[in-house]
Amino acid sequence: MTLQSLRLELSEADIHRLIKGQTGEERASVAHRLCRRIAVDVLSDQERQYADEIIAILAEDTAELVRRTLAQTLRNSPRLPKETAFKLARDVESVALPVLESSPVFSDEDLIELVLAVTAVKQVAIASRAAVSPSVSEVICEHAEASAVERLAKNLGAELSDKAFETTLERFPEAAAIHHSLVLREHIPPHITEKLVFMVSGQAFDMLINRHELPAQLAIDLAAGARERTTLDLVEQAGQTTDLPRFVSELSLNGRLTQSLIVRALCVGHMGFVEHALAELSGVPRERVWLMVHDAGPLGLQAVFDRAGLHRKLLPAFRAAVAVYHELEIDGGLHDRARFRMRMIERVLTQFQAIPKDDLDYLLEKLDAYADEATLTEDLLAGAGAVTRLPVGG
C-alpha cells in the first residue's frame, strides 16, 4: 500500500483527528501511523509533496505530544524536510533533542549554526550524535557549554582534531570531568597527553600514562621518577609509540636503553622495539638487524647481540624468546594481544629460567596482568558472543 492509496483510504474521521482532533493523544496516534509510513514507503514526487504537507501540519500542532511524536518517529529519516527539522530543533527540548541527536538531514554547516544558537542541553544532544565531524567538534569545544564538551569527549564517534583538544584544555584547565573523559578516549595526540599529565591526578593520571603515547622524553622522565607516584612502564610505552626510532633514540641518549628493558620487551612480544633497540646499540641498520634476528640462523642473532654489547649469558633467553615468537600465532579473538603475550612469557620462562630476578619479577607481574585481561575477555565473549580482531603491536 502506497502513501497515496493510504490517503485515499483515510476516512474523514481520520483526517479530522489529524488536524482537529480534540486531544493531543488522538492526533499523536494518527501522526505516529502516518510518519511510520512516510519513513519506510517508496514515494513518488507527488506523494513526497503530500508527505511534506502532513509533516508541516504536525510540526505546527499546538500539542507538544504530537510534535514530539513527529520528531521521534522521523528522527533517523532523511525524509524529514530540513526546514521542518530546523523548526523542531528550535522547539522545546522534548521535541528538539531526538532530531538534534539523530537526524541525518543536517549538514556540518547546519550543526555548527545550531551549536551557536541553542541551549546547553541541546548542545549536549549534538555532541552525542553517532558521528561528529572534526569541524563540528572544534566549534563545540570552542563555544559550547562545559556539559556539551564533556559529552563530546566521551563520544568515541566524535572526531577530535588537535585544535579541538587544545581549545578544550585552554577553556577548561581545571575541569576534572572533561579531563577524565579525554583520558578514556582511544587516541590522544602525544603533545596533548603531555599537557594532561600536569592536569590530572589519581586514577586518571595512572590511566593516562599507561594507556596513551607520551612524548619520548616525558616518558623517560616519568619512568625515572620525576613525578613521585608514577608507575610508568617503558615497555608498554614502547608498544604505544608511533615513532619507535625516535623513542629508542631518546632512551639511548638518556642511558635508559638497558639490556633489562630489551629483555622485558622481547619476552612480552614487542619485537619491533627489540629490533630498533639492537639497531641503535649495534649501529647496524634496522633492516639488516631484522635479517640477523629472524632469518640468518643462530650466528646472526649472536653477532648482532654481541655487537650491541649485551651480556652473552642472556643470549639463550633471546634465542628462546625469538623461537617462541615465531611459533605462536594470533588467535583473532578479542584482546588476542593479551593472550599472545601471556603465552610468550609462559613459554620463555619454561624454556629458560636463568633470567635476572628483577626481570623475572616483572615478567611474573605481567603474566598475572595479561592473564586477568584474557580472563575478562573470555567472560565478555561468553556474554556477548562477539569476536573482534586486534593486531599485535611490535
Foldseek 3Di string as FASTA:
>chain_A
DALVVVVVPDDPVLVCQCQPNPDPVSNQVSLLVSLLRVQPHDDDPVSLVVSQVSLVSQLPDPDPSSLLSNCQSCLAGLSHDVVSLVSQCADPPSRNLSNLQHYPNDDLVNLLVSQQPDAQVSLLSNLNHLAAEQVSLLSCLQPHDPNNLLSNLQRQRYDHDPNSLVSNCVVCVQDASSLLSNLPHQADPQVSLVSSCVRYDDPSNQSSLQRYAHPLVVLVCVVVCVDPPHPHDVLSNCLHDPDLLVNLVSCVVVVNLDPLSLLLNLLQPQVVNNLSNLCVQLVNDSVQSCCLLQPDPLVSLVVSCVSSPHDPVCSVLSNQSSVLSVVDDQPQFDPSSLVSSLVSNVRSCVVDVPDDPVSVVVSVVSNVVSVVVVVVRVVVCVVPVDGHGDDHGD
